[in-house]
Each structure stands twice: as structure tokens, then as C-alpha cells.
């Protein structure tokens, strides 16, 4: 019984230290395809990102967002030409985990606790 408790505690200690791989620096620039849900509706977009700008095509519309990297895995985006008050609000994007050619992320308006999630795949 005593050994079982030690094994159980060791298992909890090892899983508590596990952190998903995040090699974010390789995703700062390039061309990508994103899939995410907003209000239960699936969206797909393609975008090209430089260190400071993201040009996105979604639903046949092209939009530009200036970006400021907070660290290798997180950035803040603002529409370059917002069309309404909602688009003027900054969006926070955080990369949660990475693979060789994709990453999972969460996003929300800055300061909003309601986070949405999605995946991004490198096109080239």
C-alpha cells in the first residue's frame, strides 16, 4: 500500500512538469492557413505574416493587421484600417503548442476572458 502511494505521487509529479512543445520563433513569418470557431461558426482564412504585418484573406475579403510581438509565442494585433468600433479593439494571440508545420493558438480581445481557439498550418 505504501509503495502504491509513492508510485502515485511520483506519477503526479512527472505529469505536473510536462509542458507542451512550443517552438514559436519559426512561425513569426510566412504564409499560413488558419481554422478557428467564433460563436460556433467555423472560419478558414489564409494570411501572410511579416514581423510587423499580417495580410489576411477571409470570406473573400482582404484585411491588414499590424502586429507587435510580446514574446516569441504571443502578439497583439490591430486592424490597419478599422471599419467600426469593434475592429478598433486589439486582439491578443497566444501560441499554445507547435509541431513542425503547425501550431494551436488561442485569441481574444485584449483584456477579455472569453478565449477562442484554433489551429494554423504553414503553407510555405
N, C-alpha and C. Protein backbone atom coordinates (compact mmCIF):
# COMPACT_ATOMS: atom_id res chain seq x y z
N UNK A 1 0.83 -1.20 0.00
CA UNK A 1 0.00 0.00 0.00
C UNK A 1 0.87 1.26 0.00
N UNK A 2 1.93 1.23 0.83
CA UNK A 2 2.81 2.38 0.93
C UNK A 2 3.51 2.64 -0.41
N UNK A 3 3.94 1.56 -1.09
CA UNK A 3 4.60 1.70 -2.38
C UNK A 3 3.65 2.27 -3.43
N UNK A 4 2.40 1.89 -3.37
CA UNK A 4 1.40 2.41 -4.32
C UNK A 4 1.25 3.91 -4.19
N UNK A 5 1.28 4.40 -2.98
CA UNK A 5 1.15 5.85 -2.75
C UNK A 5 2.36 6.57 -3.34
N UNK A 6 3.58 6.03 -3.13
CA UNK A 6 4.78 6.66 -3.67
C UNK A 6 4.76 6.65 -5.21
N UNK A 7 4.31 5.57 -5.80
CA UNK A 7 4.22 5.50 -7.25
C UNK A 7 3.21 6.51 -7.78
N UNK A 8 2.09 6.62 -7.10
CA UNK A 8 1.06 7.58 -7.49
C UNK A 8 1.57 9.01 -7.38
N UNK A 9 2.24 9.34 -6.30
CA UNK A 9 2.80 10.68 -6.11
C UNK A 9 3.87 10.99 -7.16
N UNK A 10 4.71 10.00 -7.47
CA UNK A 10 5.73 10.19 -8.49
C UNK A 10 5.09 10.44 -9.86
N UNK A 11 4.01 9.74 -10.15
CA UNK A 11 3.29 9.94 -11.41
C UNK A 11 2.72 11.35 -11.51
N UNK A 12 2.13 11.84 -10.42
CA UNK A 12 1.60 13.21 -10.42
C UNK A 12 2.72 14.23 -10.59
N UNK A 13 3.84 13.99 -9.94
CA UNK A 13 4.98 14.92 -10.04
C UNK A 13 5.49 14.99 -11.48
N UNK A 14 5.58 13.85 -12.14
CA UNK A 14 6.08 13.84 -13.52
C UNK A 14 5.11 14.47 -14.49
N UNK A 15 3.82 14.23 -14.35
CA UNK A 15 2.85 14.83 -15.27
C UNK A 15 2.68 16.31 -14.99
N UNK A 16 2.90 16.74 -13.78
CA UNK A 16 2.80 18.16 -13.45
C UNK A 16 3.91 18.97 -14.10
N UNK A 17 5.03 18.33 -14.42
CA UNK A 17 6.16 19.02 -15.03
C UNK A 17 6.07 19.03 -16.55
N UNK A 18 5.13 18.29 -17.12
CA UNK A 18 5.02 18.19 -18.58
C UNK A 18 4.53 19.51 -19.16
N UNK A 19 5.23 19.99 -20.17
CA UNK A 19 4.82 21.20 -20.85
C UNK A 19 4.84 20.93 -22.35
N UNK A 20 3.78 21.35 -23.04
CA UNK A 20 3.73 21.11 -24.47
C UNK A 20 4.84 21.88 -25.17
N UNK A 21 5.33 21.28 -26.26
CA UNK A 21 6.42 21.89 -27.01
C UNK A 21 5.93 23.18 -27.67
N UNK A 22 6.76 24.22 -27.56
CA UNK A 22 6.45 25.49 -28.20
C UNK A 22 7.71 26.06 -28.83
N UNK A 23 7.90 25.79 -30.10
CA UNK A 23 8.99 26.39 -30.87
C UNK A 23 8.37 27.45 -31.77
N UNK A 24 8.05 28.58 -31.18
CA UNK A 24 7.24 29.60 -31.84
C UNK A 24 8.02 30.47 -32.83
N UNK A 25 9.30 30.65 -32.61
CA UNK A 25 10.07 31.59 -33.43
C UNK A 25 9.96 31.29 -34.92
N UNK A 26 9.86 30.05 -35.30
CA UNK A 26 9.76 29.67 -36.71
C UNK A 26 8.43 30.05 -37.36
N UNK A 27 7.47 30.52 -36.56
CA UNK A 27 6.16 30.87 -37.10
C UNK A 27 5.91 32.38 -37.13
N UNK A 28 6.95 33.17 -36.89
CA UNK A 28 6.77 34.62 -36.89
C UNK A 28 6.51 35.17 -38.28
N UNK A 29 7.06 34.53 -39.29
CA UNK A 29 6.86 35.00 -40.67
C UNK A 29 6.52 33.81 -41.56
N UNK A 30 5.83 34.10 -42.66
CA UNK A 30 5.49 33.05 -43.62
C UNK A 30 4.06 33.17 -44.09
N UNK A 31 3.63 32.16 -44.83
CA UNK A 31 2.26 32.11 -45.33
C UNK A 31 1.56 30.95 -44.64
N UNK A 32 0.32 31.20 -44.15
CA UNK A 32 -0.36 30.24 -43.29
C UNK A 32 -1.84 30.11 -43.64
N UNK A 33 -2.44 29.03 -43.14
CA UNK A 33 -3.88 28.79 -43.23
C UNK A 33 -4.38 28.55 -41.81
N UNK A 34 -5.41 29.28 -41.41
CA UNK A 34 -5.96 29.17 -40.06
C UNK A 34 -7.37 28.61 -40.10
N UNK A 35 -7.70 27.80 -39.10
CA UNK A 35 -9.05 27.28 -38.90
C UNK A 35 -9.42 27.55 -37.45
N UNK A 36 -10.57 28.21 -37.26
CA UNK A 36 -11.00 28.55 -35.91
C UNK A 36 -12.50 28.73 -35.87
N UNK A 37 -13.06 28.76 -34.68
CA UNK A 37 -14.50 28.96 -34.49
C UNK A 37 -14.75 30.25 -33.72
N UNK A 38 -15.77 30.96 -34.15
CA UNK A 38 -16.25 32.14 -33.43
C UNK A 38 -17.76 32.01 -33.33
N UNK A 39 -18.27 32.02 -32.12
CA UNK A 39 -19.71 31.87 -31.87
C UNK A 39 -20.27 30.61 -32.53
N UNK A 40 -19.50 29.52 -32.48
CA UNK A 40 -19.95 28.24 -33.01
C UNK A 40 -19.85 28.10 -34.52
N UNK A 41 -19.36 29.12 -35.21
CA UNK A 41 -19.24 29.08 -36.66
C UNK A 41 -17.78 28.92 -37.06
N UNK A 42 -17.50 27.91 -37.91
CA UNK A 42 -16.13 27.63 -38.35
C UNK A 42 -15.70 28.64 -39.41
N UNK A 43 -14.48 29.13 -39.26
CA UNK A 43 -13.90 30.07 -40.22
C UNK A 43 -12.56 29.52 -40.70
N UNK A 44 -12.25 29.79 -41.95
CA UNK A 44 -10.97 29.43 -42.53
C UNK A 44 -10.41 30.68 -43.20
N UNK A 45 -9.15 30.96 -42.94
CA UNK A 45 -8.53 32.12 -43.57
C UNK A 45 -7.11 31.76 -43.99
N UNK A 46 -6.59 32.53 -44.92
CA UNK A 46 -5.19 32.42 -45.29
C UNK A 46 -4.56 33.78 -45.04
N UNK A 47 -3.33 33.76 -44.55
CA UNK A 47 -2.66 35.02 -44.29
C UNK A 47 -1.16 34.90 -44.48
N UNK A 48 -0.55 36.03 -44.76
CA UNK A 48 0.89 36.12 -44.86
C UNK A 48 1.34 37.08 -43.78
N UNK A 49 2.37 36.66 -43.03
CA UNK A 49 2.80 37.46 -41.89
C UNK A 49 4.27 37.81 -42.01
N UNK A 50 4.58 39.09 -41.78
CA UNK A 50 5.96 39.54 -41.61
C UNK A 50 6.13 39.81 -40.12
N UNK A 51 7.26 40.35 -39.73
CA UNK A 51 7.50 40.64 -38.30
C UNK A 51 6.48 41.66 -37.75
N UNK A 52 5.96 42.54 -38.62
CA UNK A 52 5.10 43.62 -38.12
C UNK A 52 3.73 43.73 -38.79
N UNK A 53 3.45 42.87 -39.77
CA UNK A 53 2.19 43.00 -40.52
C UNK A 53 1.64 41.63 -40.89
N UNK A 54 0.31 41.52 -40.85
CA UNK A 54 -0.38 40.31 -41.25
C UNK A 54 -1.43 40.71 -42.28
N UNK A 55 -1.37 40.10 -43.47
CA UNK A 55 -2.36 40.37 -44.51
C UNK A 55 -3.18 39.10 -44.67
N UNK A 56 -4.48 39.21 -44.36
CA UNK A 56 -5.36 38.05 -44.27
C UNK A 56 -6.46 38.11 -45.32
N UNK A 57 -6.80 36.95 -45.87
CA UNK A 57 -7.96 36.82 -46.75
C UNK A 57 -8.93 35.87 -46.06
N UNK A 58 -10.12 36.40 -45.76
CA UNK A 58 -11.16 35.60 -45.11
C UNK A 58 -12.49 35.94 -45.75
N UNK A 59 -13.22 34.92 -46.15
CA UNK A 59 -14.50 35.09 -46.84
C UNK A 59 -14.38 36.01 -48.05
N UNK A 60 -13.26 35.89 -48.78
CA UNK A 60 -13.05 36.67 -49.99
C UNK A 60 -12.65 38.12 -49.75
N UNK A 61 -12.47 38.52 -48.50
CA UNK A 61 -12.09 39.90 -48.18
C UNK A 61 -10.66 39.93 -47.67
N UNK A 62 -9.90 40.94 -48.11
CA UNK A 62 -8.52 41.11 -47.68
C UNK A 62 -8.47 42.17 -46.60
N UNK A 63 -7.72 41.89 -45.54
CA UNK A 63 -7.61 42.82 -44.42
C UNK A 63 -6.18 42.80 -43.90
N UNK A 64 -5.72 43.93 -43.41
CA UNK A 64 -4.36 44.04 -42.88
C UNK A 64 -4.40 44.35 -41.39
N UNK A 65 -3.48 43.72 -40.66
CA UNK A 65 -3.37 43.91 -39.23
C UNK A 65 -1.92 44.19 -38.88
N UNK A 66 -1.67 45.26 -38.14
CA UNK A 66 -0.32 45.50 -37.64
C UNK A 66 -0.14 44.63 -36.40
N UNK A 67 1.05 44.07 -36.25
CA UNK A 67 1.29 43.19 -35.11
C UNK A 67 2.52 43.64 -34.34
N UNK A 68 2.44 43.41 -33.03
CA UNK A 68 3.56 43.69 -32.13
C UNK A 68 3.78 42.44 -31.29
N UNK A 69 4.96 41.84 -31.43
CA UNK A 69 5.28 40.62 -30.70
C UNK A 69 5.61 40.97 -29.25
N UNK A 70 4.93 40.31 -28.33
CA UNK A 70 5.16 40.46 -26.89
C UNK A 70 6.33 39.56 -26.50
N UNK A 71 6.35 38.35 -27.04
CA UNK A 71 7.45 37.39 -26.89
C UNK A 71 7.36 36.45 -28.10
N UNK A 72 8.18 35.42 -28.15
CA UNK A 72 8.19 34.54 -29.32
C UNK A 72 6.86 33.84 -29.57
N UNK A 73 6.02 33.72 -28.54
CA UNK A 73 4.77 32.95 -28.67
C UNK A 73 3.50 33.77 -28.51
N UNK A 74 3.61 35.08 -28.47
CA UNK A 74 2.42 35.89 -28.23
C UNK A 74 2.56 37.25 -28.91
N UNK A 75 1.46 37.70 -29.55
CA UNK A 75 1.49 39.02 -30.16
C UNK A 75 0.13 39.70 -30.05
N UNK A 76 0.15 41.01 -30.24
CA UNK A 76 -1.05 41.85 -30.21
C UNK A 76 -1.26 42.36 -31.63
N UNK A 77 -2.49 42.24 -32.13
CA UNK A 77 -2.81 42.71 -33.48
C UNK A 77 -3.87 43.80 -33.46
N UNK A 78 -3.70 44.77 -34.37
CA UNK A 78 -4.68 45.85 -34.54
C UNK A 78 -4.94 46.03 -36.04
N UNK A 79 -6.21 46.12 -36.41
CA UNK A 79 -6.56 46.36 -37.81
C UNK A 79 -5.92 47.66 -38.27
N UNK A 80 -5.37 47.65 -39.47
CA UNK A 80 -4.74 48.84 -40.03
C UNK A 80 -5.80 49.88 -40.39
N UNK A 81 -6.90 49.44 -41.00
CA UNK A 81 -8.00 50.34 -41.39
C UNK A 81 -9.31 49.83 -40.82
N UNK A 82 -9.54 50.04 -39.51
CA UNK A 82 -10.78 49.53 -38.91
C UNK A 82 -12.00 50.23 -39.51
N UNK A 83 -13.06 49.45 -39.71
CA UNK A 83 -14.29 49.99 -40.31
C UNK A 83 -15.35 50.33 -39.28
N UNK A 84 -15.15 49.89 -38.03
CA UNK A 84 -16.11 50.20 -36.97
C UNK A 84 -15.40 50.13 -35.62
N UNK A 85 -16.13 50.44 -34.55
CA UNK A 85 -15.55 50.46 -33.20
C UNK A 85 -15.04 49.07 -32.79
N UNK A 86 -15.76 48.01 -33.17
CA UNK A 86 -15.34 46.65 -32.82
C UNK A 86 -13.97 46.33 -33.41
N UNK A 87 -13.75 46.71 -34.66
CA UNK A 87 -12.47 46.42 -35.33
C UNK A 87 -11.32 47.25 -34.78
N UNK A 88 -11.62 48.33 -34.06
CA UNK A 88 -10.57 49.15 -33.46
C UNK A 88 -9.92 48.48 -32.25
N UNK A 89 -10.59 47.49 -31.69
CA UNK A 89 -10.08 46.82 -30.49
C UNK A 89 -8.94 45.87 -30.86
N UNK A 90 -7.91 45.87 -30.03
CA UNK A 90 -6.75 44.99 -30.25
C UNK A 90 -7.10 43.55 -29.90
N UNK A 91 -6.45 42.62 -30.60
CA UNK A 91 -6.64 41.20 -30.38
C UNK A 91 -5.32 40.60 -29.89
N UNK A 92 -5.41 39.76 -28.89
CA UNK A 92 -4.23 39.08 -28.34
C UNK A 92 -4.23 37.64 -28.85
N UNK A 93 -3.11 37.22 -29.44
CA UNK A 93 -2.97 35.86 -29.97
C UNK A 93 -1.82 35.19 -29.23
N UNK A 94 -2.07 33.98 -28.73
CA UNK A 94 -1.05 33.23 -27.99
C UNK A 94 -0.92 31.84 -28.58
N UNK A 95 0.30 31.47 -28.98
CA UNK A 95 0.56 30.14 -29.50
C UNK A 95 0.68 29.19 -28.30
N UNK A 96 -0.14 28.13 -28.30
CA UNK A 96 -0.17 27.20 -27.18
C UNK A 96 0.78 26.03 -27.35
N UNK A 97 0.85 25.47 -28.56
CA UNK A 97 1.74 24.34 -28.83
C UNK A 97 2.09 24.36 -30.32
N UNK A 98 3.22 23.74 -30.65
CA UNK A 98 3.67 23.72 -32.04
C UNK A 98 4.04 22.31 -32.46
N UNK A 99 3.97 22.09 -33.77
CA UNK A 99 4.54 20.90 -34.39
C UNK A 99 5.51 21.43 -35.44
N UNK A 100 5.99 20.57 -36.30
CA UNK A 100 6.94 21.02 -37.31
C UNK A 100 6.34 22.07 -38.25
N UNK A 101 5.07 21.89 -38.65
CA UNK A 101 4.49 22.81 -39.63
C UNK A 101 3.14 23.41 -39.20
N UNK A 102 2.79 23.33 -37.92
CA UNK A 102 1.53 23.91 -37.47
C UNK A 102 1.60 24.31 -36.00
N UNK A 103 0.61 25.07 -35.58
CA UNK A 103 0.50 25.39 -34.16
C UNK A 103 -0.95 25.57 -33.77
N UNK A 104 -1.23 25.35 -32.49
CA UNK A 104 -2.55 25.64 -31.94
C UNK A 104 -2.44 26.97 -31.21
N UNK A 105 -3.53 27.72 -31.20
CA UNK A 105 -3.47 29.05 -30.59
C UNK A 105 -4.80 29.38 -29.93
N UNK A 106 -4.76 30.42 -29.10
CA UNK A 106 -5.98 30.98 -28.55
C UNK A 106 -5.93 32.48 -28.80
N UNK A 107 -7.12 33.08 -28.92
CA UNK A 107 -7.17 34.51 -29.17
C UNK A 107 -8.38 35.12 -28.50
N UNK A 108 -8.28 36.40 -28.23
CA UNK A 108 -9.37 37.15 -27.63
C UNK A 108 -9.08 38.64 -27.79
N UNK A 109 -10.10 39.45 -27.56
CA UNK A 109 -9.86 40.88 -27.47
C UNK A 109 -8.98 41.10 -26.25
N UNK A 110 -8.09 42.07 -26.31
CA UNK A 110 -7.20 42.33 -25.17
C UNK A 110 -8.04 42.61 -23.93
N UNK A 111 -7.75 41.88 -22.87
CA UNK A 111 -8.46 42.05 -21.61
C UNK A 111 -9.72 41.22 -21.47
N UNK A 112 -10.16 40.58 -22.53
CA UNK A 112 -11.38 39.77 -22.49
C UNK A 112 -11.04 38.35 -22.04
N UNK A 113 -11.79 37.82 -21.11
CA UNK A 113 -11.53 36.47 -20.60
C UNK A 113 -12.08 35.39 -21.54
N UNK A 114 -12.94 35.75 -22.49
CA UNK A 114 -13.55 34.79 -23.41
C UNK A 114 -12.56 34.47 -24.54
N UNK A 115 -11.89 33.34 -24.44
CA UNK A 115 -10.87 32.93 -25.41
C UNK A 115 -11.45 31.96 -26.43
N UNK A 116 -11.04 32.13 -27.66
CA UNK A 116 -11.38 31.21 -28.75
C UNK A 116 -10.11 30.47 -29.12
N UNK A 117 -10.24 29.29 -29.72
CA UNK A 117 -9.06 28.50 -30.10
C UNK A 117 -9.11 28.12 -31.57
N UNK A 118 -7.94 27.80 -32.10
CA UNK A 118 -7.86 27.37 -33.48
C UNK A 118 -6.51 26.75 -33.78
N UNK A 119 -6.32 26.40 -35.04
CA UNK A 119 -5.06 25.83 -35.50
C UNK A 119 -4.59 26.58 -36.75
N UNK A 120 -3.28 26.64 -36.90
CA UNK A 120 -2.67 27.28 -38.06
C UNK A 120 -1.68 26.30 -38.67
N UNK A 121 -1.70 26.21 -39.99
CA UNK A 121 -0.77 25.34 -40.72
C UNK A 121 0.04 26.19 -41.69
N UNK A 122 1.34 25.94 -41.72
CA UNK A 122 2.21 26.67 -42.65
C UNK A 122 1.94 26.20 -44.07
N UNK A 123 1.72 27.15 -44.97
CA UNK A 123 1.52 26.83 -46.39
C UNK A 123 2.87 26.82 -47.10
N UNK A 124 3.69 27.80 -46.79
CA UNK A 124 5.07 27.84 -47.30
C UNK A 124 5.89 28.75 -46.45
